[in-house]
PDB file of N, CA and C in Angstrom:
ATOM      1  N   MET A   1       0.852  -1.159   0.000  1.00  0.00           N
ATOM      2  CA  MET A   1       0.000   0.000   0.000  1.00  0.00           C
ATOM      3  C   MET A   1       0.907   1.234   0.000  1.00  0.00           C
ATOM      4  N   THR A   2       0.857   2.000  -1.036  1.00  0.00           N
ATOM      5  CA  THR A   2       1.680   3.203  -1.120  1.00  0.00           C
ATOM      6  C   THR A   2       0.774   4.420  -1.091  1.00  0.00           C
ATOM      7  N   HIS A   3       1.283   5.449  -0.507  1.00  0.00           N
ATOM      8  CA  HIS A   3       0.536   6.698  -0.382  1.00  0.00           C
ATOM      9  C   HIS A   3       1.262   7.784  -1.144  1.00  0.00           C
ATOM     10  N   ASP A   4       0.495   8.662  -1.754  1.00  0.00           N
ATOM     11  CA  ASP A   4       1.101   9.844  -2.342  1.00  0.00           C
ATOM     12  C   ASP A   4       1.431  10.806  -1.216  1.00  0.00           C
ATOM     13  N   ARG A   5       2.588  11.415  -1.314  1.00  0.00           N
ATOM     14  CA  ARG A   5       3.007  12.353  -0.283  1.00  0.00           C
ATOM     15  C   ARG A   5       2.142  13.612  -0.370  1.00  0.00           C
ATOM     16  N   PRO A   6       1.524  14.028   0.742  1.00  0.00           N
ATOM     17  CA  PRO A   6       0.677  15.217   0.710  1.00  0.00           C
ATOM     18  C   PRO A   6       1.501  16.474   0.419  1.00  0.00           C
ATOM     19  N   THR A   7       0.863  17.406  -0.252  1.00  0.00           N
ATOM     20  CA  THR A   7       1.555  18.645  -0.595  1.00  0.00           C
ATOM     21  C   THR A   7       1.340  19.720   0.466  1.00  0.00           C
ATOM     22  N   ASN A   8       0.400  19.497   1.372  1.00  0.00           N
ATOM     23  CA  ASN A   8       0.141  20.463   2.431  1.00  0.00           C
ATOM     24  C   ASN A   8       1.296  20.411   3.440  1.00  0.00           C
ATOM     25  N   PRO A   9       2.018  21.520   3.648  1.00  0.00           N
ATOM     26  CA  PRO A   9       3.159  21.479   4.568  1.00  0.00           C
ATOM     27  C   PRO A   9       2.759  21.303   6.025  1.00  0.00           C
ATOM     28  N   TYR A  10       1.479  21.495   6.353  1.00  0.00           N
ATOM     29  CA  TYR A  10       1.032  21.352   7.732  1.00  0.00           C
ATOM     30  C   TYR A  10       0.547  19.936   8.042  1.00  0.00           C
ATOM     31  N   SER A  11       0.494  19.071   7.053  1.00  0.00           N
ATOM     32  CA  SER A  11       0.071  17.702   7.270  1.00  0.00           C
ATOM     33  C   SER A  11       1.178  16.933   7.980  1.00  0.00           C
ATOM     34  N   ILE A  12       0.795  16.095   8.946  1.00  0.00           N
ATOM     35  CA  ILE A  12       1.799  15.317   9.670  1.00  0.00           C
ATOM     36  C   ILE A  12       2.455  14.287   8.749  1.00  0.00           C
ATOM     37  N   ASP A  13       1.720  13.835   7.731  1.00  0.00           N
ATOM     38  CA  ASP A  13       2.291  12.861   6.809  1.00  0.00           C
ATOM     39  C   ASP A  13       3.355  13.480   5.909  1.00  0.00           C
ATOM     40  N   ALA A  14       3.327  14.807   5.735  1.00  0.00           N
ATOM     41  CA  ALA A  14       4.320  15.461   4.886  1.00  0.00           C
ATOM     42  C   ALA A  14       5.693  15.463   5.539  1.00  0.00           C
ATOM     43  N   THR A  15       5.778  15.249   6.831  1.00  0.00           N
ATOM     44  CA  THR A  15       7.059  15.275   7.529  1.00  0.00           C
ATOM     45  C   THR A  15       7.675  13.883   7.661  1.00  0.00           C
ATOM     46  N   MET A  16       6.973  12.851   7.211  1.00  0.00           N
ATOM     47  CA  MET A  16       7.487  11.489   7.327  1.00  0.00           C
ATOM     48  C   MET A  16       8.455  11.195   6.202  1.00  0.00           C
ATOM     49  N   ASP A  17       9.557  10.542   6.546  1.00  0.00           N
ATOM     50  CA  ASP A  17      10.477  10.111   5.493  1.00  0.00           C
ATOM     51  C   ASP A  17       9.999   8.766   4.936  1.00  0.00           C
ATOM     52  N   PRO A  18      10.540   8.296   3.832  1.00  0.00           N
ATOM     53  CA  PRO A  18      10.059   7.038   3.231  1.00  0.00           C
ATOM     54  C   PRO A  18      10.130   5.837   4.167  1.00  0.00           C
ATOM     55  N   ALA A  19      11.146   5.766   5.023  1.00  0.00           N
ATOM     56  CA  ALA A  19      11.243   4.642   5.958  1.00  0.00           C
ATOM     57  C   ALA A  19      10.084   4.672   6.958  1.00  0.00           C
ATOM     58  N   GLN A  20       9.728   5.853   7.416  1.00  0.00           N
ATOM     59  CA  GLN A  20       8.604   5.965   8.339  1.00  0.00           C
ATOM     60  C   GLN A  20       7.289   5.627   7.645  1.00  0.00           C
ATOM     61  N   GLU A  21       7.156   6.008   6.378  1.00  0.00           N
ATOM     62  CA  GLU A  21       5.946   5.671   5.628  1.00  0.00           C
ATOM     63  C   GLU A  21       5.809   4.162   5.468  1.00  0.00           C
ATOM     64  N   ARG A  22       6.927   3.474   5.163  1.00  0.00           N
ATOM     65  CA  ARG A  22       6.871   2.014   5.029  1.00  0.00           C
ATOM     66  C   ARG A  22       6.510   1.368   6.354  1.00  0.00           C
ATOM     67  N   ALA A  23       7.049   1.894   7.453  1.00  0.00           N
ATOM     68  CA  ALA A  23       6.729   1.344   8.780  1.00  0.00           C
ATOM     69  C   ALA A  23       5.260   1.578   9.109  1.00  0.00           C
ATOM     70  N   ALA A  24       4.722   2.730   8.732  1.00  0.00           N
ATOM     71  CA  ALA A  24       3.320   3.022   9.004  1.00  0.00           C
ATOM     72  C   ALA A  24       2.396   2.100   8.218  1.00  0.00           C
ATOM     73  N   ASP A  25       2.821   1.694   7.026  1.00  0.00           N
ATOM     74  CA  ASP A  25       1.999   0.788   6.220  1.00  0.00           C
ATOM     75  C   ASP A  25       1.936  -0.612   6.805  1.00  0.00           C
ATOM     76  N   THR A  26       2.904  -0.998   7.625  1.00  0.00           N
ATOM     77  CA  THR A  26       2.923  -2.350   8.177  1.00  0.00           C
ATOM     78  C   THR A  26       2.277  -2.446   9.554  1.00  0.00           C
ATOM     79  N   LEU A  27       1.808  -1.340  10.098  1.00  0.00           N
ATOM     80  CA  LEU A  27       1.169  -1.383  11.418  1.00  0.00           C
ATOM     81  C   LEU A  27      -0.142  -2.162  11.357  1.00  0.00           C
ATOM     82  N   PRO A  28      -0.452  -2.923  12.396  1.00  0.00           N
ATOM     83  CA  PRO A  28      -1.723  -3.663  12.399  1.00  0.00           C
ATOM     84  C   PRO A  28      -2.902  -2.710  12.585  1.00  0.00           C
ATOM     85  N   VAL A  29      -4.048  -3.144  12.144  1.00  0.00           N
ATOM     86  CA  VAL A  29      -5.276  -2.362  12.321  1.00  0.00           C
ATOM     87  C   VAL A  29      -5.674  -2.421  13.789  1.00  0.00           C
ATOM     88  N   PRO A  30      -6.065  -1.296  14.391  1.00  0.00           N
ATOM     89  CA  PRO A  30      -6.485  -1.340  15.800  1.00  0.00           C
ATOM     90  C   PRO A  30      -7.699  -2.249  15.989  1.00  0.00           C
ATOM     91  N   PRO A  31      -7.831  -2.886  17.162  1.00  0.00           N
ATOM     92  CA  PRO A  31      -8.937  -3.820  17.373  1.00  0.00           C
ATOM     93  C   PRO A  31     -10.311  -3.158  17.384  1.00  0.00           C
ATOM     94  N   HIS A  32     -10.393  -1.865  17.615  1.00  0.00           N
ATOM     95  CA  HIS A  32     -11.676  -1.180  17.667  1.00  0.00           C
ATOM     96  C   HIS A  32     -11.958  -0.423  16.375  1.00  0.00           C
ATOM     97  N   ALA A  33     -11.294  -0.802  15.289  1.00  0.00           N
ATOM     98  CA  ALA A  33     -11.422  -0.050  14.050  1.00  0.00           C
ATOM     99  C   ALA A  33     -12.763  -0.285  13.354  1.00  0.00           C
ATOM    100  N   ALA A  34     -13.367  -1.446  13.544  1.00  0.00           N
ATOM    101  CA  ALA A  34     -14.621  -1.736  12.859  1.00  0.00           C
ATOM    102  C   ALA A  34     -15.763  -0.970  13.510  1.00  0.00           C
ATOM    103  N   MET A  35     -16.533  -0.277  12.713  1.00  0.00           N
ATOM    104  CA  MET A  35     -17.611   0.554  13.246  1.00  0.00           C
ATOM    105  C   MET A  35     -18.753  -0.279  13.828  1.00  0.00           C
ATOM    106  N   GLY A  36     -18.909  -1.507  13.377  1.00  0.00           N
ATOM    107  CA  GLY A  36     -20.005  -2.335  13.849  1.00  0.00           C
ATOM    108  C   GLY A  36     -19.734  -3.017  15.169  1.00  0.00           C
ATOM    109  N   GLN A  37     -18.517  -2.956  15.653  1.00  0.00           N
ATOM    110  CA  GLN A  37     -18.167  -3.646  16.889  1.00  0.00           C
ATOM    111  C   GLN A  37     -18.448  -2.771  18.102  1.00  0.00           C
ATOM    112  N   GLU A  38     -18.647  -3.426  19.233  1.00  0.00           N
ATOM    113  CA  GLU A  38     -18.797  -2.712  20.498  1.00  0.00           C
ATOM    114  C   GLU A  38     -17.431  -2.131  20.890  1.00  0.00           C
ATOM    115  N   PRO A  39     -17.422  -0.980  21.556  1.00  0.00           N
ATOM    116  CA  PRO A  39     -16.138  -0.424  21.988  1.00  0.00           C
ATOM    117  C   PRO A  39     -15.494  -1.294  23.054  1.00  0.00           C
ATOM    118  N   LEU A  40     -14.186  -1.179  23.171  1.00  0.00           N
ATOM    119  CA  LEU A  40     -13.476  -1.921  24.199  1.00  0.00           C
ATOM    120  C   LEU A  40     -13.898  -1.419  25.575  1.00  0.00           C
ATOM    121  N   ASP A  41     -13.697  -2.247  26.601  1.00  0.00           N
ATOM    122  CA  ASP A  41     -14.149  -1.906  27.955  1.00  0.00           C
ATOM    123  C   ASP A  41     -13.540  -0.597  28.462  1.00  0.00           C
ATOM    124  N   GLN A  42     -12.279  -0.335  28.108  1.00  0.00           N
ATOM    125  CA  GLN A  42     -11.658   0.885  28.627  1.00  0.00           C
ATOM    126  C   GLN A  42     -12.246   2.146  27.987  1.00  0.00           C
ATOM    127  N   TYR A  43     -13.026   2.001  26.909  1.00  0.00           N
ATOM    128  CA  TYR A  43     -13.659   3.149  26.267  1.00  0.00           C
ATOM    129  C   TYR A  43     -15.147   3.247  26.597  1.00  0.00           C
ATOM    130  N   ALA A  44     -15.645   2.393  27.461  1.00  0.00           N
ATOM    131  CA  ALA A  44     -17.058   2.424  27.829  1.00  0.00           C
ATOM    132  C   ALA A  44     -17.351   3.694  28.634  1.00  0.00           C
ATOM    133  N   VAL A  45     -18.521   4.250  28.437  1.00  0.00           N
ATOM    134  CA  VAL A  45     -18.909   5.496  29.098  1.00  0.00           C
ATOM    135  C   VAL A  45     -19.932   5.174  30.179  1.00  0.00           C
ATOM    136  N   HIS A  46     -19.777   5.798  31.321  1.00  0.00           N
ATOM    137  CA  HIS A  46     -20.701   5.604  32.427  1.00  0.00           C
ATOM    138  C   HIS A  46     -22.077   6.139  32.036  1.00  0.00           C
ATOM    139  N   PRO A  47     -23.160   5.461  32.418  1.00  0.00           N
ATOM    140  CA  PRO A  47     -24.505   5.924  32.036  1.00  0.00           C
ATOM    141  C   PRO A  47     -24.839   7.329  32.536  1.00  0.00           C
ATOM    142  N   ALA A  48     -24.290   7.734  33.665  1.00  0.00           N
ATOM    143  CA  ALA A  48     -24.582   9.068  34.197  1.00  0.00           C
ATOM    144  C   ALA A  48     -23.841  10.164  33.441  1.00  0.00           C
ATOM    145  N   ALA A  49     -22.916   9.798  32.566  1.00  0.00           N
ATOM    146  CA  ALA A  49     -22.117  10.805  31.854  1.00  0.00           C
ATOM    147  C   ALA A  49     -22.980  11.684  30.962  1.00  0.00           C
ATOM    148  N   ARG A  50     -24.131  11.192  30.521  1.00  0.00           N
ATOM    149  CA  ARG A  50     -24.979  12.018  29.657  1.00  0.00           C
ATOM    150  C   ARG A  50     -25.587  13.187  30.413  1.00  0.00           C
ATOM    151  N   TYR A  51     -25.714  13.068  31.736  1.00  0.00           N
ATOM    152  CA  TYR A  51     -26.288  14.151  32.531  1.00  0.00           C
ATOM    153  C   TYR A  51     -25.238  15.161  32.990  1.00  0.00           C
ATOM    154  N   PHE A  52     -23.987  14.790  32.925  1.00  0.00           N
ATOM    155  CA  PHE A  52     -22.918  15.662  33.408  1.00  0.00           C
ATOM    156  C   PHE A  52     -22.066  16.166  32.255  1.00  0.00           C
ATOM    157  N   ARG A  53     -22.686  16.863  31.343  1.00  0.00           N
ATOM    158  CA  ARG A  53     -22.000  17.518  30.232  1.00  0.00           C
ATOM    159  C   ARG A  53     -21.681  18.947  30.631  1.00  0.00           C
ATOM    160  N   ARG A  54     -20.590  19.457  30.125  1.00  0.00           N
ATOM    161  CA  ARG A  54     -20.112  20.771  30.544  1.00  0.00           C
ATOM    162  C   ARG A  54     -21.054  21.910  30.178  1.00  0.00           C
ATOM    163  N   GLY A  55     -21.554  21.941  28.960  1.00  0.00           N
ATOM    164  CA  GLY A  55     -22.311  23.082  28.458  1.00  0.00           C
ATOM    165  C   GLY A  55     -23.494  23.507  29.304  1.00  0.00           C
ATOM    166  N   PRO A  56     -24.480  22.636  29.532  1.00  0.00           N
ATOM    167  CA  PRO A  56     -25.653  23.057  30.310  1.00  0.00           C
ATOM    168  C   PRO A  56     -25.319  23.437  31.749  1.00  0.00           C
ATOM    169  N   TRP A  57     -24.372  22.738  32.363  1.00  0.00           N
ATOM    170  CA  TRP A  57     -24.027  23.040  33.752  1.00  0.00           C
ATOM    171  C   TRP A  57     -23.269  24.354  33.857  1.00  0.00           C
ATOM    172  N   GLU A  58     -22.411  24.658  32.880  1.00  0.00           N
ATOM    173  CA  GLU A  58     -21.729  25.955  32.894  1.00  0.00           C
ATOM    174  C   GLU A  58     -22.738  27.084  32.715  1.00  0.00           C
ATOM    175  N   ASN A  59     -23.725  26.883  31.845  1.00  0.00           N
ATOM    176  CA  ASN A  59     -24.763  27.900  31.666  1.00  0.00           C
ATOM    177  C   ASN A  59     -25.548  28.112  32.957  1.00  0.00           C
ATOM    178  N   THR A  60     -25.865  27.032  33.660  1.00  0.00           N
ATOM    179  CA  THR A  60     -26.585  27.143  34.926  1.00  0.00           C
ATOM    180  C   THR A  60     -25.760  27.900  35.958  1.00  0.00           C
ATOM    181  N   ALA A  61     -24.466  27.587  36.042  1.00  0.00           N
ATOM    182  CA  ALA A  61     -23.600  28.288  36.995  1.00  0.00           C
ATOM    183  C   ALA A  61     -23.500  29.771  36.648  1.00  0.00           C
ATOM    184  N   THR A  62     -23.448  30.092  35.363  1.00  0.00           N
ATOM    185  CA  THR A  62     -23.386  31.492  34.941  1.00  0.00           C
ATOM    186  C   THR A  62     -24.662  32.232  35.322  1.00  0.00           C
ATOM    187  N   VAL A  63     -25.800  31.581  35.162  1.00  0.00           N
ATOM    188  CA  VAL A  63     -27.075  32.201  35.552  1.00  0.00           C
ATOM    189  C   VAL A  63     -27.119  32.429  37.064  1.00  0.00           C
ATOM    190  N   ILE A  64     -26.602  31.495  37.849  1.00  0.00           N
ATOM    191  CA  ILE A  64     -26.582  31.661  39.304  1.00  0.00           C
ATOM    192  C   ILE A  64     -25.686  32.833  39.696  1.00  0.00           C
ATOM    193  N   ILE A  65     -24.539  32.966  39.035  1.00  0.00           N
ATOM    194  CA  ILE A  65     -23.652  34.101  39.310  1.00  0.00           C
ATOM    195  C   ILE A  65     -24.361  35.410  38.961  1.00  0.00           C
ATOM    196  N   ALA A  66     -25.018  35.454  37.806  1.00  0.00           N
ATOM    197  CA  ALA A  66     -25.742  36.668  37.395  1.00  0.00           C
ATOM    198  C   ALA A  66     -26.868  36.988  38.369  1.00  0.00           C
ATOM    199  N   LEU A  67     -27.560  35.959  38.848  1.00  0.00           N
ATOM    200  CA  LEU A  67     -28.620  36.163  39.835  1.00  0.00           C
ATOM    201  C   LEU A  67     -28.042  36.774  41.116  1.00  0.00           C
ATOM    202  N   GLY A  68     -26.880  36.302  41.535  1.00  0.00           N
ATOM    203  CA  GLY A  68     -26.230  36.861  42.720  1.00  0.00           C
ATOM    204  C   GLY A  68     -25.845  38.318  42.532  1.00  0.00           C
ATOM    205  N   VAL A  69     -25.391  38.667  41.321  1.00  0.00           N
ATOM    206  CA  VAL A  69     -25.042  40.062  41.042  1.00  0.00           C
ATOM    207  C   VAL A  69     -26.299  40.938  41.073  1.00  0.00           C
ATOM    208  N   VAL A  70     -27.398  40.444  40.503  1.00  0.00           N
ATOM    209  CA  VAL A  70     -28.657  41.198  40.544  1.00  0.00           C
ATOM    210  C   VAL A  70     -29.115  41.355  41.997  1.00  0.00           C
ATOM    211  N   MET A  71     -28.984  40.308  42.786  1.00  0.00           N
ATOM    212  CA  MET A  71     -29.347  40.394  44.203  1.00  0.00           C
ATOM    213  C   MET A  71     -28.488  41.431  44.925  1.00  0.00           C
ATOM    214  N   LEU A  72     -27.240  41.541  44.536  1.00  0.00           N
ATOM    215  CA  LEU A  72     -26.325  42.490  45.159  1.00  0.00           C
ATOM    216  C   LEU A  72     -26.692  43.931  44.822  1.00  0.00           C
ATOM    217  N   MET A  73     -27.194  44.167  43.616  1.00  0.00           N
ATOM    218  CA  MET A  73     -27.438  45.536  43.154  1.00  0.00           C
ATOM    219  C   MET A  73     -28.859  46.040  43.358  1.00  0.00           C
ATOM    220  N   GLN A  74     -29.769  45.163  43.763  1.00  0.00           N
ATOM    221  CA  GLN A  74     -31.164  45.604  43.915  1.00  0.00           C
ATOM    222  C   GLN A  74     -31.309  46.425  45.200  1.00  0.00           C
ATOM    223  N   PRO A  75     -32.190  47.448  45.195  1.00  0.00           N
ATOM    224  CA  PRO A  75     -32.331  48.310  46.374  1.00  0.00           C
ATOM    225  C   PRO A  75     -33.534  47.996  47.258  1.00  0.00           C
ATOM    226  N   PHE A  76     -34.203  46.855  47.062  1.00  0.00           N
ATOM    227  CA  PHE A  76     -35.487  46.613  47.709  1.00  0.00           C
ATOM    228  C   PHE A  76     -35.428  45.730  48.948  1.00  0.00           C
ATOM    229  N   SER A  77     -34.616  44.691  48.931  1.00  0.00           N
ATOM    230  CA  SER A  77     -34.676  43.701  50.000  1.00  0.00           C
ATOM    231  C   SER A  77     -33.307  43.495  50.641  1.00  0.00           C
ATOM    232  N   MET A  78     -33.255  43.669  51.928  1.00  0.00           N
ATOM    233  CA  MET A  78     -32.017  43.422  52.663  1.00  0.00           C
ATOM    234  C   MET A  78     -31.713  41.921  52.720  1.00  0.00           C
ATOM    235  N   PHE A  79     -32.768  41.103  52.717  1.00  0.00           N
ATOM    236  CA  PHE A  79     -32.585  39.647  52.713  1.00  0.00           C
ATOM    237  C   PHE A  79     -31.842  39.206  51.445  1.00  0.00           C
ATOM    238  N   LEU A  80     -32.283  39.682  50.268  1.00  0.00           N
ATOM    239  CA  LEU A  80     -31.622  39.323  49.012  1.00  0.00           C
ATOM    240  C   LEU A  80     -30.186  39.842  48.984  1.00  0.00           C
ATOM    241  N   TYR A  81     -29.994  41.066  49.470  1.00  0.00           N
ATOM    242  CA  TYR A  81     -28.649  41.637  49.520  1.00  0.00           C
ATOM    243  C   TYR A  81     -27.739  40.799  50.421  1.00  0.00           C
ATOM    244  N   GLY A  82     -28.284  40.347  51.543  1.00  0.00           N
ATOM    245  CA  GLY A  82     -27.496  39.556  52.488  1.00  0.00           C
ATOM    246  C   GLY A  82     -27.058  38.214  51.926  1.00  0.00           C
ATOM    247  N   TRP A  83     -27.858  37.623  51.065  1.00  0.00           N
ATOM    248  CA  TRP A  83     -27.532  36.326  50.474  1.00  0.00           C
ATOM    249  C   TRP A  83     -26.841  36.436  49.120  1.00  0.00           C
ATOM    250  N   SER A  84     -26.595  37.640  48.640  1.00  0.00           N
ATOM    251  CA  SER A  84     -26.014  37.805  47.303  1.00  0.00           C
ATOM    252  C   SER A  84     -24.584  37.268  47.226  1.00  0.00           C
ATOM    253  N   PHE A  85     -23.764  37.536  48.237  1.00  0.00           N
ATOM    254  CA  PHE A  85     -22.389  37.061  48.203  1.00  0.00           C
ATOM    255  C   PHE A  85     -22.331  35.536  48.222  1.00  0.00           C
ATOM    256  N   ALA A  86     -23.158  34.921  49.049  1.00  0.00           N
ATOM    257  CA  ALA A  86     -23.190  33.454  49.101  1.00  0.00           C
ATOM    258  C   ALA A  86     -23.636  32.873  47.759  1.00  0.00           C
ATOM    259  N   THR A  87     -24.573  33.538  47.094  1.00  0.00           N
ATOM    260  CA  THR A  87     -25.047  33.072  45.789  1.00  0.00           C
ATOM    261  C   THR A  87     -23.948  33.185  44.744  1.00  0.00           C
ATOM    262  N   ILE A  88     -23.258  34.320  44.746  1.00  0.00           N
ATOM    263  CA  ILE A  88     -22.150  34.500  43.796  1.00  0.00           C
ATOM    264  C   ILE A  88     -21.047  33.474  44.076  1.00  0.00           C
ATOM    265  N   LEU A  89     -20.739  33.271  45.333  1.00  0.00           N
ATOM    266  CA  LEU A  89     -19.699  32.304  45.704  1.00  0.00           C
ATOM    267  C   LEU A  89     -20.088  30.889  45.294  1.00  0.00           C
ATOM    268  N   PHE A  90     -21.344  30.517  45.522  1.00  0.00           N
ATOM    269  CA  PHE A  90     -21.823  29.194  45.123  1.00  0.00           C
ATOM    270  C   PHE A  90     -21.746  29.025  43.607  1.00  0.00           C
ATOM    271  N   GLY A  91     -22.187  30.034  42.853  1.00  0.00           N
ATOM    272  CA  GLY A  91     -22.138  29.955  41.400  1.00  0.00           C
ATOM    273  C   GLY A  91     -20.717  29.851  40.878  1.00  0.00           C
ATOM    274  N   THR A  92     -19.798  30.578  41.509  1.00  0.00           N
ATOM    275  CA  THR A  92     -18.393  30.519  41.089  1.00  0.00           C
ATOM    276  C   THR A  92     -17.792  29.156  41.384  1.00  0.00           C
ATOM    277  N   ALA A  93     -18.043  28.628  42.576  1.00  0.00           N
ATOM    278  CA  ALA A  93     -17.532  27.291  42.914  1.00  0.00           C
ATOM    279  C   ALA A  93     -18.137  26.238  41.996  1.00  0.00           C
ATOM    280  N   MET A  94     -19.419  26.384  41.694  1.00  0.00           N
ATOM    281  CA  MET A  94     -20.072  25.443  40.780  1.00  0.00           C
ATOM    282  C   MET A  94     -19.442  25.520  39.394  1.00  0.00           C
ATOM    283  N   PHE A  95     -19.149  26.728  38.923  1.00  0.00           N
ATOM    284  CA  PHE A  95     -18.532  26.894  37.614  1.00  0.00           C
ATOM    285  C   PHE A  95     -17.152  26.227  37.574  1.00  0.00           C
ATOM    286  N   VAL A  96     -16.385  26.377  38.635  1.00  0.00           N
ATOM    287  CA  VAL A  96     -15.054  25.756  38.683  1.00  0.00           C
ATOM    288  C   VAL A  96     -15.170  24.239  38.620  1.00  0.00           C
ATOM    289  N   VAL A  97     -16.132  23.677  39.336  1.00  0.00           N
ATOM    290  CA  VAL A  97     -16.300  22.218  39.347  1.00  0.00           C
ATOM    291  C   VAL A  97     -16.782  21.718  37.989  1.00  0.00           C
ATOM    292  N   VAL A  98     -17.809  22.343  37.433  1.00  0.00           N
ATOM    293  CA  VAL A  98     -18.376  21.819  36.193  1.00  0.00           C
ATOM    294  C   VAL A  98     -17.501  22.108  34.983  1.00  0.00           C
ATOM    295  N   SER A  99     -16.525  22.994  35.122  1.00  0.00           N
ATOM    296  CA  SER A  99     -15.617  23.222  33.987  1.00  0.00           C
ATOM    297  C   SER A  99     -14.697  22.024  33.772  1.00  0.00           C
ATOM    298  N   HIS A 100     -14.691  21.080  34.710  1.00  0.00           N
ATOM    299  CA  HIS A 100     -13.903  19.859  34.547  1.00  0.00           C
ATOM    300  C   HIS A 100     -14.728  18.697  33.994  1.00  0.00           C
ATOM    301  N   PHE A 101     -16.008  18.917  33.737  1.00  0.00           N
ATOM    302  CA  PHE A 101     -16.836  17.882  33.127  1.00  0.00           C
ATOM    303  C   PHE A 101     -16.415  17.696  31.678  1.00  0.00           C
ATOM    304  N   VAL A 102     -16.814  16.577  31.076  1.00  0.00           N
ATOM    305  CA  VAL A 102     -16.517  16.330  29.669  1.00  0.00           C
ATOM    306  C   VAL A 102     -17.409  17.186  28.793  1.00  0.00           C
ATOM    307  N   ASP A 103     -16.948  17.441  27.587  1.00  0.00           N
ATOM    308  CA  ASP A 103     -17.745  18.248  26.636  1.00  0.00           C
ATOM    309  C   ASP A 103     -18.958  17.505  26.167  1.00  0.00           C
TER     310      ASP A 103
END
C-alpha cells in the first residue's frame, strides 16, 4: 500500500520520510477499528455521563452568578442583599467544578 506524499506542509504525513511511511503501512489495524463492533471496555462510558456535560451546567452556573449580582445591586430587599455574596460564591464554585466535566 503506497501513499502519495501530501503537498500540504502542515500535514503530519508530509514530515514522514520514506522509511517511516513504510513502517506506518505495516502497522496492524487497531482492534476497535470496525464501526459495527462494540467499543473496548476501557472506552465504555458511564450511564450518568450524559447528565454531566459541561455546556448546560456551565450555563446554569453562569445564571446563578448573574442572579447573585442582581441580588447584590437591587435596592429593595435586605434579605436578598445579604444572600447575594453566598449566591455568587456558590455559582463561582459550581462553575469551577463543572468546567472539569466532559464536553
